[in-house]
Amino acid sequence: MPQDGREAVIAKLPGIVHGLRGQQVTLSADPAKVHLFADGQSLRGRA
């Protein structure tokens, strides 16, 4: 984990997107379509 407390996220985009590899970008996602994992276990459906 970086010293600032943030963790890296890898995002995959369809197609070929030139010039983004290794760049910092801002992402957003529909919360209803986000699937989270912790310690290899899905957190889907847990509150």
C-alpha atoms as a PDB file:
ATOM      1  CA  MET A   1       0.000   0.000   0.000  1.00  0.00           C
ATOM      2  CA  PRO A   2       1.313   3.439  -0.825  1.00  0.00           C
ATOM      3  CA  GLN A   3       2.307   5.650   2.093  1.00  0.00           C
ATOM      4  CA  ASP A   4      -0.654   7.972   1.488  1.00  0.00           C
ATOM      5  CA  GLY A   5      -3.072   5.142   2.441  1.00  0.00           C
ATOM      6  CA  ARG A   6      -4.599   4.757  -1.005  1.00  0.00           C
ATOM      7  CA  GLU A   7      -4.601   1.487  -2.923  1.00  0.00           C
ATOM      8  CA  ALA A   8      -4.168   1.098  -6.662  1.00  0.00           C
ATOM      9  CA  VAL A   9      -7.068  -0.112  -8.807  1.00  0.00           C
ATOM     10  CA  ILE A  10      -6.621  -1.666 -12.227  1.00  0.00           C
ATOM     11  CA  ALA A  11      -9.343  -0.838 -14.758  1.00  0.00           C
ATOM     12  CA  LYS A  12      -9.834  -2.612 -18.073  1.00  0.00           C
ATOM     13  CA  LEU A  13     -11.415  -0.761 -20.973  1.00  0.00           C
ATOM     14  CA  PRO A  14     -12.819  -2.369 -24.121  1.00  0.00           C
ATOM     15  CA  GLY A  15     -10.952  -1.767 -27.337  1.00  0.00           C
ATOM     16  CA  ILE A  16      -7.624  -0.035 -27.742  1.00  0.00           C
ATOM     17  CA  VAL A  17      -7.072   3.135 -25.726  1.00  0.00           C
ATOM     18  CA  HIS A  18      -3.777   4.806 -26.557  1.00  0.00           C
ATOM     19  CA  GLY A  19      -1.853   6.950 -24.101  1.00  0.00           C
ATOM     20  CA  LEU A  20      -3.449   5.830 -20.812  1.00  0.00           C
ATOM     21  CA  ARG A  21      -1.125   3.024 -19.711  1.00  0.00           C
ATOM     22  CA  GLY A  22       0.507   4.027 -16.438  1.00  0.00           C
ATOM     23  CA  GLN A  23      -1.443   7.283 -16.222  1.00  0.00           C
ATOM     24  CA  GLN A  24      -3.566   8.372 -13.285  1.00  0.00           C
ATOM     25  CA  VAL A  25      -7.213   8.768 -14.312  1.00  0.00           C
ATOM     26  CA  THR A  26     -10.506   9.452 -12.562  1.00  0.00           C
ATOM     27  CA  LEU A  27     -13.069   6.645 -12.745  1.00  0.00           C
ATOM     28  CA  SER A  28     -16.687   6.343 -11.729  1.00  0.00           C
ATOM     29  CA  ALA A  29     -19.050   3.373 -11.632  1.00  0.00           C
ATOM     30  CA  ASP A  30     -22.728   2.641 -11.117  1.00  0.00           C
ATOM     31  CA  PRO A  31     -22.824   1.332  -7.505  1.00  0.00           C
ATOM     32  CA  ALA A  32     -25.456  -1.229  -8.531  1.00  0.00           C
ATOM     33  CA  LYS A  33     -22.941  -2.783 -10.933  1.00  0.00           C
ATOM     34  CA  VAL A  34     -19.854  -2.774  -8.669  1.00  0.00           C
ATOM     35  CA  HIS A  35     -18.664  -6.181  -7.415  1.00  0.00           C
ATOM     36  CA  LEU A  36     -16.305  -6.047  -4.429  1.00  0.00           C
ATOM     37  CA  PHE A  37     -14.039  -8.744  -3.007  1.00  0.00           C
ATOM     38  CA  ALA A  38     -12.198  -9.029   0.318  1.00  0.00           C
ATOM     39  CA  ASP A  39      -9.705 -11.784   1.076  1.00  0.00           C
ATOM     40  CA  GLY A  40     -10.780 -13.587  -2.096  1.00  0.00           C
ATOM     41  CA  GLN A  41     -14.463 -13.647  -1.095  1.00  0.00           C
ATOM     42  CA  SER A  42     -17.282 -11.811  -2.860  1.00  0.00           C
ATOM     43  CA  LEU A  43     -19.019  -9.140  -0.788  1.00  0.00           C
ATOM     44  CA  ARG A  44     -22.025  -8.990  -3.130  1.00  0.00           C
ATOM     45  CA  GLY A  45     -25.335  -9.019  -1.283  1.00  0.00           C
ATOM     46  CA  ARG A  46     -23.821  -8.374   2.144  1.00  0.00           C
ATOM     47  CA  ALA A  47     -24.729  -5.281   4.101  1.00  0.00           C
END
